[in-house]
Amino acid sequence: MDRKPSVFDQVPVEQHVIQGNYFFVIQDRYPVSPGHCLIVSREPHLDFFDLNELEREELLDLVHLTKRWIKLDYFPDGFNIGMNCGRAAGQTVIHFH
């Protein structure tokens, strides 16, 4: 896939709080709430609908692992899980996260 580099290409590995085969997890630089994290694809996928079956399986596992990680430090009362797919849906960085 021909694409422009994204901001996620420059995230140092030291900032990864969780790593998988297909994704890494980072804390959001501009958090909406305490503990706000991003699960970012290592490959240049546009959005959720670009992911293959193995990637979707790992994504679900990482959602659970990230929830546990957030609970250890932030003790939230609830969680939001969201994806914006495409500019019309509010996606501003066109790289799956």
PDB file of N, CA and C in Angstrom:
ATOM      1  N   MET A   1       0.854  -1.176   0.000  1.00  0.00           N
ATOM      2  CA  MET A   1       0.000   0.000   0.000  1.00  0.00           C
ATOM      3  C   MET A   1       0.896   1.234   0.000  1.00  0.00           C
ATOM      4  N   ASP A   2       0.623   2.146  -0.894  1.00  0.00           N
ATOM      5  CA  ASP A   2       1.333   3.418  -0.938  1.00  0.00           C
ATOM      6  C   ASP A   2       0.656   4.380   0.022  1.00  0.00           C
ATOM      7  N   ARG A   3       1.406   4.928   0.957  1.00  0.00           N
ATOM      8  CA  ARG A   3       0.800   5.819   1.928  1.00  0.00           C
ATOM      9  C   ARG A   3       1.809   6.817   2.433  1.00  0.00           C
ATOM     10  N   LYS A   4       1.301   7.902   2.980  1.00  0.00           N
ATOM     11  CA  LYS A   4       2.138   8.883   3.649  1.00  0.00           C
ATOM     12  C   LYS A   4       2.476   8.342   5.032  1.00  0.00           C
ATOM     13  N   PRO A   5       3.665   8.682   5.540  1.00  0.00           N
ATOM     14  CA  PRO A   5       3.973   8.277   6.921  1.00  0.00           C
ATOM     15  C   PRO A   5       2.951   8.889   7.879  1.00  0.00           C
ATOM     16  N   SER A   6       2.664   8.178   8.946  1.00  0.00           N
ATOM     17  CA  SER A   6       1.735   8.709   9.940  1.00  0.00           C
ATOM     18  C   SER A   6       2.499   9.052  11.211  1.00  0.00           C
ATOM     19  N   VAL A   7       1.859   9.787  12.076  1.00  0.00           N
ATOM     20  CA  VAL A   7       2.448  10.161  13.350  1.00  0.00           C
ATOM     21  C   VAL A   7       2.817   8.917  14.159  1.00  0.00           C
ATOM     22  N   PHE A   8       2.124   7.820  13.952  1.00  0.00           N
ATOM     23  CA  PHE A   8       2.375   6.597  14.712  1.00  0.00           C
ATOM     24  C   PHE A   8       3.675   5.903  14.299  1.00  0.00           C
ATOM     25  N   ASP A   9       4.178   6.201  13.098  1.00  0.00           N
ATOM     26  CA  ASP A   9       5.441   5.611  12.653  1.00  0.00           C
ATOM     27  C   ASP A   9       6.617   6.101  13.491  1.00  0.00           C
ATOM     28  N   GLN A  10       6.427   7.198  14.191  1.00  0.00           N
ATOM     29  CA  GLN A  10       7.528   7.805  14.924  1.00  0.00           C
ATOM     30  C   GLN A  10       7.438   7.605  16.436  1.00  0.00           C
ATOM     31  N   VAL A  11       6.507   6.784  16.899  1.00  0.00           N
ATOM     32  CA  VAL A  11       6.372   6.532  18.333  1.00  0.00           C
ATOM     33  C   VAL A  11       7.488   5.596  18.775  1.00  0.00           C
ATOM     34  N   PRO A  12       8.364   6.042  19.695  1.00  0.00           N
ATOM     35  CA  PRO A  12       9.447   5.164  20.153  1.00  0.00           C
ATOM     36  C   PRO A  12       8.896   3.960  20.911  1.00  0.00           C
ATOM     37  N   VAL A  13       9.565   2.832  20.766  1.00  0.00           N
ATOM     38  CA  VAL A  13       9.131   1.591  21.416  1.00  0.00           C
ATOM     39  C   VAL A  13       9.058   1.768  22.931  1.00  0.00           C
ATOM     40  N   GLU A  14       9.838   2.657  23.504  1.00  0.00           N
ATOM     41  CA  GLU A  14       9.806   2.897  24.946  1.00  0.00           C
ATOM     42  C   GLU A  14       8.451   3.430  25.412  1.00  0.00           C
ATOM     43  N   GLN A  15       7.669   3.981  24.487  1.00  0.00           N
ATOM     44  CA  GLN A  15       6.345   4.504  24.838  1.00  0.00           C
ATOM     45  C   GLN A  15       5.246   3.452  24.697  1.00  0.00           C
ATOM     46  N   HIS A  16       5.586   2.283  24.207  1.00  0.00           N
ATOM     47  CA  HIS A  16       4.602   1.208  24.072  1.00  0.00           C
ATOM     48  C   HIS A  16       4.338   0.633  25.456  1.00  0.00           C
ATOM     49  N   VAL A  17       3.095   0.664  25.904  1.00  0.00           N
ATOM     50  CA  VAL A  17       2.770   0.097  27.217  1.00  0.00           C
ATOM     51  C   VAL A  17       2.413  -1.384  27.115  1.00  0.00           C
ATOM     52  N   ILE A  18       1.978  -1.806  25.935  1.00  0.00           N
ATOM     53  CA  ILE A  18       1.692  -3.213  25.640  1.00  0.00           C
ATOM     54  C   ILE A  18       2.087  -3.426  24.176  1.00  0.00           C
ATOM     55  N   GLN A  19       2.642  -4.609  23.878  1.00  0.00           N
ATOM     56  CA  GLN A  19       2.995  -4.921  22.496  1.00  0.00           C
ATOM     57  C   GLN A  19       2.401  -6.252  22.088  1.00  0.00           C
ATOM     58  N   GLY A  20       1.914  -6.290  20.869  1.00  0.00           N
ATOM     59  CA  GLY A  20       1.433  -7.529  20.279  1.00  0.00           C
ATOM     60  C   GLY A  20       2.175  -7.770  18.981  1.00  0.00           C
ATOM     61  N   ASN A  21       1.773  -8.780  18.267  1.00  0.00           N
ATOM     62  CA  ASN A  21       2.383  -9.063  16.964  1.00  0.00           C
ATOM     63  C   ASN A  21       1.955  -8.054  15.911  1.00  0.00           C
ATOM     64  N   TYR A  22       0.699  -7.613  15.986  1.00  0.00           N
ATOM     65  CA  TYR A  22       0.135  -6.754  14.949  1.00  0.00           C
ATOM     66  C   TYR A  22      -0.137  -5.325  15.421  1.00  0.00           C
ATOM     67  N   PHE A  23      -0.093  -5.109  16.738  1.00  0.00           N
ATOM     68  CA  PHE A  23      -0.452  -3.807  17.307  1.00  0.00           C
ATOM     69  C   PHE A  23       0.466  -3.467  18.465  1.00  0.00           C
ATOM     70  N   PHE A  24       0.478  -2.195  18.814  1.00  0.00           N
ATOM     71  CA  PHE A  24       1.080  -1.759  20.066  1.00  0.00           C
ATOM     72  C   PHE A  24       0.125  -0.781  20.725  1.00  0.00           C
ATOM     73  N   VAL A  25       0.257  -0.633  22.033  1.00  0.00           N
ATOM     74  CA  VAL A  25      -0.631   0.234  22.802  1.00  0.00           C
ATOM     75  C   VAL A  25       0.209   1.365  23.387  1.00  0.00           C
ATOM     76  N   ILE A  26      -0.308   2.595  23.250  1.00  0.00           N
ATOM     77  CA  ILE A  26       0.343   3.774  23.823  1.00  0.00           C
ATOM     78  C   ILE A  26      -0.692   4.597  24.571  1.00  0.00           C
ATOM     79  N   GLN A  27      -0.213   5.418  25.483  1.00  0.00           N
ATOM     80  CA  GLN A  27      -1.104   6.372  26.122  1.00  0.00           C
ATOM     81  C   GLN A  27      -1.290   7.540  25.168  1.00  0.00           C
ATOM     82  N   ASP A  28      -2.503   8.045  25.084  1.00  0.00           N
ATOM     83  CA  ASP A  28      -2.804   9.162  24.195  1.00  0.00           C
ATOM     84  C   ASP A  28      -2.080  10.416  24.674  1.00  0.00           C
ATOM     85  N   ARG A  29      -1.490  11.168  23.753  1.00  0.00           N
ATOM     86  CA  ARG A  29      -0.780  12.403  24.116  1.00  0.00           C
ATOM     87  C   ARG A  29      -1.744  13.506  24.540  1.00  0.00           C
ATOM     88  N   TYR A  30      -2.985  13.410  24.095  1.00  0.00           N
ATOM     89  CA  TYR A  30      -4.014  14.396  24.437  1.00  0.00           C
ATOM     90  C   TYR A  30      -5.232  13.649  24.976  1.00  0.00           C
ATOM     91  N   PRO A  31      -5.113  13.084  26.177  1.00  0.00           N
ATOM     92  CA  PRO A  31      -6.166  12.199  26.678  1.00  0.00           C
ATOM     93  C   PRO A  31      -7.495  12.913  26.912  1.00  0.00           C
ATOM     94  N   VAL A  32      -8.553  12.237  26.530  1.00  0.00           N
ATOM     95  CA  VAL A  32      -9.910  12.710  26.775  1.00  0.00           C
ATOM     96  C   VAL A  32     -10.302  12.433  28.218  1.00  0.00           C
ATOM     97  N   SER A  33      -9.725  11.361  28.781  1.00  0.00           N
ATOM     98  CA  SER A  33      -9.969  10.989  30.166  1.00  0.00           C
ATOM     99  C   SER A  33      -8.712  10.300  30.702  1.00  0.00           C
ATOM    100  N   PRO A  34      -8.564  10.213  32.018  1.00  0.00           N
ATOM    101  CA  PRO A  34      -7.385   9.545  32.577  1.00  0.00           C
ATOM    102  C   PRO A  34      -7.282   8.096  32.091  1.00  0.00           C
ATOM    103  N   GLY A  35      -6.095   7.721  31.636  1.00  0.00           N
ATOM    104  CA  GLY A  35      -5.881   6.361  31.151  1.00  0.00           C
ATOM    105  C   GLY A  35      -6.159   6.165  29.678  1.00  0.00           C
ATOM    106  N   HIS A  36      -6.555   7.216  28.967  1.00  0.00           N
ATOM    107  CA  HIS A  36      -6.867   7.131  27.540  1.00  0.00           C
ATOM    108  C   HIS A  36      -5.693   6.520  26.779  1.00  0.00           C
ATOM    109  N   CYS A  37      -5.925   5.393  26.133  1.00  0.00           N
ATOM    110  CA  CYS A  37      -4.893   4.677  25.369  1.00  0.00           C
ATOM    111  C   CYS A  37      -5.331   4.495  23.924  1.00  0.00           C
ATOM    112  N   LEU A  38      -4.356   4.241  23.075  1.00  0.00           N
ATOM    113  CA  LEU A  38      -4.604   3.937  21.670  1.00  0.00           C
ATOM    114  C   LEU A  38      -3.982   2.585  21.353  1.00  0.00           C
ATOM    115  N   ILE A  39      -4.719   1.757  20.649  1.00  0.00           N
ATOM    116  CA  ILE A  39      -4.197   0.502  20.123  1.00  0.00           C
ATOM    117  C   ILE A  39      -3.916   0.775  18.648  1.00  0.00           C
ATOM    118  N   VAL A  40      -2.658   0.697  18.252  1.00  0.00           N
ATOM    119  CA  VAL A  40      -2.202   1.141  16.932  1.00  0.00           C
ATOM    120  C   VAL A  40      -1.700  -0.045  16.115  1.00  0.00           C
ATOM    121  N   SER A  41      -2.128  -0.127  14.862  1.00  0.00           N
ATOM    122  CA  SER A  41      -1.649  -1.211  13.998  1.00  0.00           C
ATOM    123  C   SER A  41      -0.202  -0.959  13.581  1.00  0.00           C
ATOM    124  N   ARG A  42       0.582  -2.024  13.562  1.00  0.00           N
ATOM    125  CA  ARG A  42       1.975  -1.929  13.106  1.00  0.00           C
ATOM    126  C   ARG A  42       2.032  -1.770  11.590  1.00  0.00           C
ATOM    127  N   GLU A  43       1.097  -2.386  10.896  1.00  0.00           N
ATOM    128  CA  GLU A  43       1.018  -2.288   9.435  1.00  0.00           C
ATOM    129  C   GLU A  43       0.159  -1.073   9.063  1.00  0.00           C
ATOM    130  N   PRO A  44       0.308  -0.576   7.859  1.00  0.00           N
ATOM    131  CA  PRO A  44      -0.408   0.641   7.449  1.00  0.00           C
ATOM    132  C   PRO A  44      -1.868   0.412   7.053  1.00  0.00           C
ATOM    133  N   HIS A  45      -2.671  -0.070   7.988  1.00  0.00           N
ATOM    134  CA  HIS A  45      -4.093  -0.253   7.715  1.00  0.00           C
ATOM    135  C   HIS A  45      -4.830   1.070   7.863  1.00  0.00           C
ATOM    136  N   LEU A  46      -5.820   1.262   7.023  1.00  0.00           N
ATOM    137  CA  LEU A  46      -6.601   2.496   7.075  1.00  0.00           C
ATOM    138  C   LEU A  46      -7.524   2.531   8.277  1.00  0.00           C
ATOM    139  N   ASP A  47      -8.245   1.437   8.492  1.00  0.00           N
ATOM    140  CA  ASP A  47      -9.231   1.396   9.562  1.00  0.00           C
ATOM    141  C   ASP A  47      -9.552  -0.051   9.917  1.00  0.00           C
ATOM    142  N   PHE A  48     -10.503  -0.233  10.809  1.00  0.00           N
ATOM    143  CA  PHE A  48     -10.887  -1.565  11.288  1.00  0.00           C
ATOM    144  C   PHE A  48     -11.222  -2.515  10.146  1.00  0.00           C
ATOM    145  N   PHE A  49     -11.864  -2.017   9.111  1.00  0.00           N
ATOM    146  CA  PHE A  49     -12.328  -2.867   8.024  1.00  0.00           C
ATOM    147  C   PHE A  49     -11.192  -3.363   7.128  1.00  0.00           C
ATOM    148  N   ASP A  50      -9.975  -2.829   7.319  1.00  0.00           N
ATOM    149  CA  ASP A  50      -8.790  -3.292   6.604  1.00  0.00           C
ATOM    150  C   ASP A  50      -8.096  -4.455   7.311  1.00  0.00           C
ATOM    151  N   LEU A  51      -8.469  -4.753   8.533  1.00  0.00           N
ATOM    152  CA  LEU A  51      -7.784  -5.779   9.320  1.00  0.00           C
ATOM    153  C   LEU A  51      -8.186  -7.176   8.872  1.00  0.00           C
ATOM    154  N   ASN A  52      -7.225  -8.102   8.934  1.00  0.00           N
ATOM    155  CA  ASN A  52      -7.565  -9.486   8.624  1.00  0.00           C
ATOM    156  C   ASN A  52      -8.031 -10.196   9.901  1.00  0.00           C
ATOM    157  N   GLU A  53      -8.401 -11.454   9.783  1.00  0.00           N
ATOM    158  CA  GLU A  53      -8.978 -12.190  10.910  1.00  0.00           C
ATOM    159  C   GLU A  53      -8.003 -12.306  12.091  1.00  0.00           C
ATOM    160  N   LEU A  54      -6.744 -12.618  11.817  1.00  0.00           N
ATOM    161  CA  LEU A  54      -5.754 -12.733  12.896  1.00  0.00           C
ATOM    162  C   LEU A  54      -5.564 -11.400  13.618  1.00  0.00           C
ATOM    163  N   GLU A  55      -5.555 -10.326  12.869  1.00  0.00           N
ATOM    164  CA  GLU A  55      -5.409  -9.000  13.469  1.00  0.00           C
ATOM    165  C   GLU A  55      -6.621  -8.649  14.321  1.00  0.00           C
ATOM    166  N   ARG A  56      -7.805  -8.978  13.828  1.00  0.00           N
ATOM    167  CA  ARG A  56      -9.018  -8.700  14.613  1.00  0.00           C
ATOM    168  C   ARG A  56      -9.024  -9.498  15.910  1.00  0.00           C
ATOM    169  N   GLU A  57      -8.554 -10.743  15.864  1.00  0.00           N
ATOM    170  CA  GLU A  57      -8.478 -11.558  17.085  1.00  0.00           C
ATOM    171  C   GLU A  57      -7.506 -10.942  18.092  1.00  0.00           C
ATOM    172  N   GLU A  58      -6.322 -10.538  17.620  1.00  0.00           N
ATOM    173  CA  GLU A  58      -5.365  -9.933  18.534  1.00  0.00           C
ATOM    174  C   GLU A  58      -5.891  -8.602  19.067  1.00  0.00           C
ATOM    175  N   LEU A  59      -6.570  -7.845  18.237  1.00  0.00           N
ATOM    176  CA  LEU A  59      -7.136  -6.571  18.676  1.00  0.00           C
ATOM    177  C   LEU A  59      -8.059  -6.780  19.869  1.00  0.00           C
ATOM    178  N   LEU A  60      -8.928  -7.763  19.792  1.00  0.00           N
ATOM    179  CA  LEU A  60      -9.845  -8.038  20.903  1.00  0.00           C
ATOM    180  C   LEU A  60      -9.071  -8.421  22.165  1.00  0.00           C
ATOM    181  N   ASP A  61      -8.047  -9.247  22.011  1.00  0.00           N
ATOM    182  CA  ASP A  61      -7.212  -9.597  23.164  1.00  0.00           C
ATOM    183  C   ASP A  61      -6.563  -8.353  23.766  1.00  0.00           C
ATOM    184  N   LEU A  62      -6.073  -7.466  22.924  1.00  0.00           N
ATOM    185  CA  LEU A  62      -5.415  -6.252  23.412  1.00  0.00           C
ATOM    186  C   LEU A  62      -6.390  -5.282  24.063  1.00  0.00           C
ATOM    187  N   VAL A  63      -7.628  -5.282  23.633  1.00  0.00           N
ATOM    188  CA  VAL A  63      -8.638  -4.462  24.317  1.00  0.00           C
ATOM    189  C   VAL A  63      -8.751  -4.917  25.772  1.00  0.00           C
ATOM    190  N   HIS A  64      -8.807  -6.220  25.980  1.00  0.00           N
ATOM    191  CA  HIS A  64      -8.897  -6.755  27.345  1.00  0.00           C
ATOM    192  C   HIS A  64      -7.628  -6.472  28.151  1.00  0.00           C
ATOM    193  N   LEU A  65      -6.460  -6.666  27.552  1.00  0.00           N
ATOM    194  CA  LEU A  65      -5.201  -6.393  28.252  1.00  0.00           C
ATOM    195  C   LEU A  65      -5.067  -4.912  28.603  1.00  0.00           C
ATOM    196  N   THR A  66      -5.489  -4.063  27.681  1.00  0.00           N
ATOM    197  CA  THR A  66      -5.411  -2.622  27.922  1.00  0.00           C
ATOM    198  C   THR A  66      -6.361  -2.218  29.045  1.00  0.00           C
ATOM    199  N   LYS A  67      -7.538  -2.810  29.079  1.00  0.00           N
ATOM    200  CA  LYS A  67      -8.473  -2.540  30.180  1.00  0.00           C
ATOM    201  C   LYS A  67      -7.826  -2.872  31.517  1.00  0.00           C
ATOM    202  N   ARG A  68      -7.197  -4.042  31.601  1.00  0.00           N
ATOM    203  CA  ARG A  68      -6.530  -4.434  32.850  1.00  0.00           C
ATOM    204  C   ARG A  68      -5.424  -3.455  33.220  1.00  0.00           C
ATOM    205  N   TRP A  69      -4.642  -3.043  32.237  1.00  0.00           N
ATOM    206  CA  TRP A  69      -3.545  -2.105  32.477  1.00  0.00           C
ATOM    207  C   TRP A  69      -4.087  -0.773  33.005  1.00  0.00           C
ATOM    208  N   ILE A  70      -5.146  -0.272  32.398  1.00  0.00           N
ATOM    209  CA  ILE A  70      -5.748   0.999  32.823  1.00  0.00           C
ATOM    210  C   ILE A  70      -6.284   0.875  34.250  1.00  0.00           C
ATOM    211  N   LYS A  71      -6.945  -0.244  34.551  1.00  0.00           N
ATOM    212  CA  LYS A  71      -7.520  -0.435  35.891  1.00  0.00           C
ATOM    213  C   LYS A  71      -6.461  -0.397  36.989  1.00  0.00           C
ATOM    214  N   LEU A  72      -5.245  -0.874  36.691  1.00  0.00           N
ATOM    215  CA  LEU A  72      -4.182  -0.903  37.698  1.00  0.00           C
ATOM    216  C   LEU A  72      -3.781   0.495  38.169  1.00  0.00           C
ATOM    217  N   ASP A  73      -3.789   1.467  37.287  1.00  0.00           N
ATOM    218  CA  ASP A  73      -3.316   2.815  37.629  1.00  0.00           C
ATOM    219  C   ASP A  73      -4.418   3.854  37.792  1.00  0.00           C
ATOM    220  N   TYR A  74      -5.554   3.665  37.142  1.00  0.00           N
ATOM    221  CA  TYR A  74      -6.547   4.739  37.082  1.00  0.00           C
ATOM    222  C   TYR A  74      -7.870   4.430  37.777  1.00  0.00           C
ATOM    223  N   PHE A  75      -8.179   3.199  38.036  1.00  0.00           N
ATOM    224  CA  PHE A  75      -9.408   2.804  38.750  1.00  0.00           C
ATOM    225  C   PHE A  75     -10.666   3.460  38.177  1.00  0.00           C
ATOM    226  N   PRO A  76     -10.882   3.376  36.862  1.00  0.00           N
ATOM    227  CA  PRO A  76     -12.045   4.044  36.263  1.00  0.00           C
ATOM    228  C   PRO A  76     -13.358   3.376  36.655  1.00  0.00           C
ATOM    229  N   ASP A  77     -14.422   4.151  36.578  1.00  0.00           N
ATOM    230  CA  ASP A  77     -15.760   3.620  36.821  1.00  0.00           C
ATOM    231  C   ASP A  77     -16.349   2.973  35.568  1.00  0.00           C
ATOM    232  N   GLY A  78     -15.770   3.280  34.403  1.00  0.00           N
ATOM    233  CA  GLY A  78     -16.270   2.734  33.148  1.00  0.00           C
ATOM    234  C   GLY A  78     -15.254   2.900  32.042  1.00  0.00           C
ATOM    235  N   PHE A  79     -15.584   2.381  30.883  1.00  0.00           N
ATOM    236  CA  PHE A  79     -14.676   2.397  29.736  1.00  0.00           C
ATOM    237  C   PHE A  79     -15.433   2.793  28.472  1.00  0.00           C
ATOM    238  N   ASN A  80     -14.744   3.490  27.572  1.00  0.00           N
ATOM    239  CA  ASN A  80     -15.219   3.745  26.215  1.00  0.00           C
ATOM    240  C   ASN A  80     -14.279   3.028  25.267  1.00  0.00           C
ATOM    241  N   ILE A  81     -14.840   2.362  24.272  1.00  0.00           N
ATOM    242  CA  ILE A  81     -14.051   1.739  23.217  1.00  0.00           C
ATOM    243  C   ILE A  81     -14.604   2.297  21.919  1.00  0.00           C
ATOM    244  N   GLY A  82     -13.745   2.934  21.134  1.00  0.00           N
ATOM    245  CA  GLY A  82     -14.259   3.563  19.923  1.00  0.00           C
ATOM    246  C   GLY A  82     -13.314   3.465  18.754  1.00  0.00           C
ATOM    247  N   MET A  83     -13.896   3.540  17.560  1.00  0.00           N
ATOM    248  CA  MET A  83     -13.137   3.572  16.311  1.00  0.00           C
ATOM    249  C   MET A  83     -13.857   4.512  15.364  1.00  0.00           C
ATOM    250  N   ASN A  84     -13.097   5.411  14.781  1.00  0.00           N
ATOM    251  CA  ASN A  84     -13.628   6.251  13.710  1.00  0.00           C
ATOM    252  C   ASN A  84     -13.050   5.704  12.410  1.00  0.00           C
ATOM    253  N   CYS A  85     -13.892   5.314  11.487  1.00  0.00           N
ATOM    254  CA  CYS A  85     -13.445   4.711  10.232  1.00  0.00           C
ATOM    255  C   CYS A  85     -13.771   5.645   9.083  1.00  0.00           C
ATOM    256  N   GLY A  86     -12.764   6.391   8.630  1.00  0.00           N
ATOM    257  CA  GLY A  86     -12.926   7.345   7.537  1.00  0.00           C
ATOM    258  C   GLY A  86     -13.103   8.766   8.029  1.00  0.00           C
ATOM    259  N   ARG A  87     -12.701   9.706   7.197  1.00  0.00           N
ATOM    260  CA  ARG A  87     -12.778  11.131   7.564  1.00  0.00           C
ATOM    261  C   ARG A  87     -14.205  11.558   7.918  1.00  0.00           C
ATOM    262  N   ALA A  88     -15.172  11.061   7.180  1.00  0.00           N
ATOM    263  CA  ALA A  88     -16.572  11.443   7.440  1.00  0.00           C
ATOM    264  C   ALA A  88     -17.028  10.977   8.818  1.00  0.00           C
ATOM    265  N   ALA A  89     -16.351   9.966   9.370  1.00  0.00           N
ATOM    266  CA  ALA A  89     -16.689   9.450  10.700  1.00  0.00           C
ATOM    267  C   ALA A  89     -15.843  10.102  11.800  1.00  0.00           C
ATOM    268  N   GLY A  90     -14.993  11.049  11.417  1.00  0.00           N
ATOM    269  CA  GLY A  90     -14.182  11.744  12.401  1.00  0.00           C
ATOM    270  C   GLY A  90     -12.751  11.267  12.512  1.00  0.00           C
ATOM    271  N   GLN A  91     -12.329  10.345  11.649  1.00  0.00           N
ATOM    272  CA  GLN A  91     -10.945   9.870  11.688  1.00  0.00           C
ATOM    273  C   GLN A  91     -10.030  10.959  11.148  1.00  0.00           C
ATOM    274  N   THR A  92      -9.078  11.400  11.960  1.00  0.00           N
ATOM    275  CA  THR A  92      -8.176  12.472  11.540  1.00  0.00           C
ATOM    276  C   THR A  92      -6.802  11.960  11.149  1.00  0.00           C
ATOM    277  N   VAL A  93      -6.348  10.864  11.747  1.00  0.00           N
ATOM    278  CA  VAL A  93      -5.097  10.213  11.351  1.00  0.00           C
ATOM    279  C   VAL A  93      -5.501   8.936  10.627  1.00  0.00           C
ATOM    280  N   ILE A  94      -5.178   8.866   9.333  1.00  0.00           N
ATOM    281  CA  ILE A  94      -5.621   7.728   8.525  1.00  0.00           C
ATOM    282  C   ILE A  94      -4.603   6.593   8.662  1.00  0.00           C
ATOM    283  N   HIS A  95      -4.656   5.975   9.842  1.00  0.00           N
ATOM    284  CA  HIS A  95      -3.829   4.816  10.194  1.00  0.00           C
ATOM    285  C   HIS A  95      -4.602   4.177  11.355  1.00  0.00           C
ATOM    286  N   PHE A  96      -4.909   2.892  11.272  1.00  0.00           N
ATOM    287  CA  PHE A  96      -5.787   2.280  12.262  1.00  0.00           C
ATOM    288  C   PHE A  96      -5.271   2.496  13.685  1.00  0.00           C
ATOM    289  N   HIS A  97      -6.148   3.045  14.503  1.00  0.00           N
ATOM    290  CA  HIS A  97      -5.888   3.198  15.941  1.00  0.00           C
ATOM    291  C   HIS A  97      -7.216   3.395  16.639  1.00  0.00           C
TER     292      HIS A  97
END
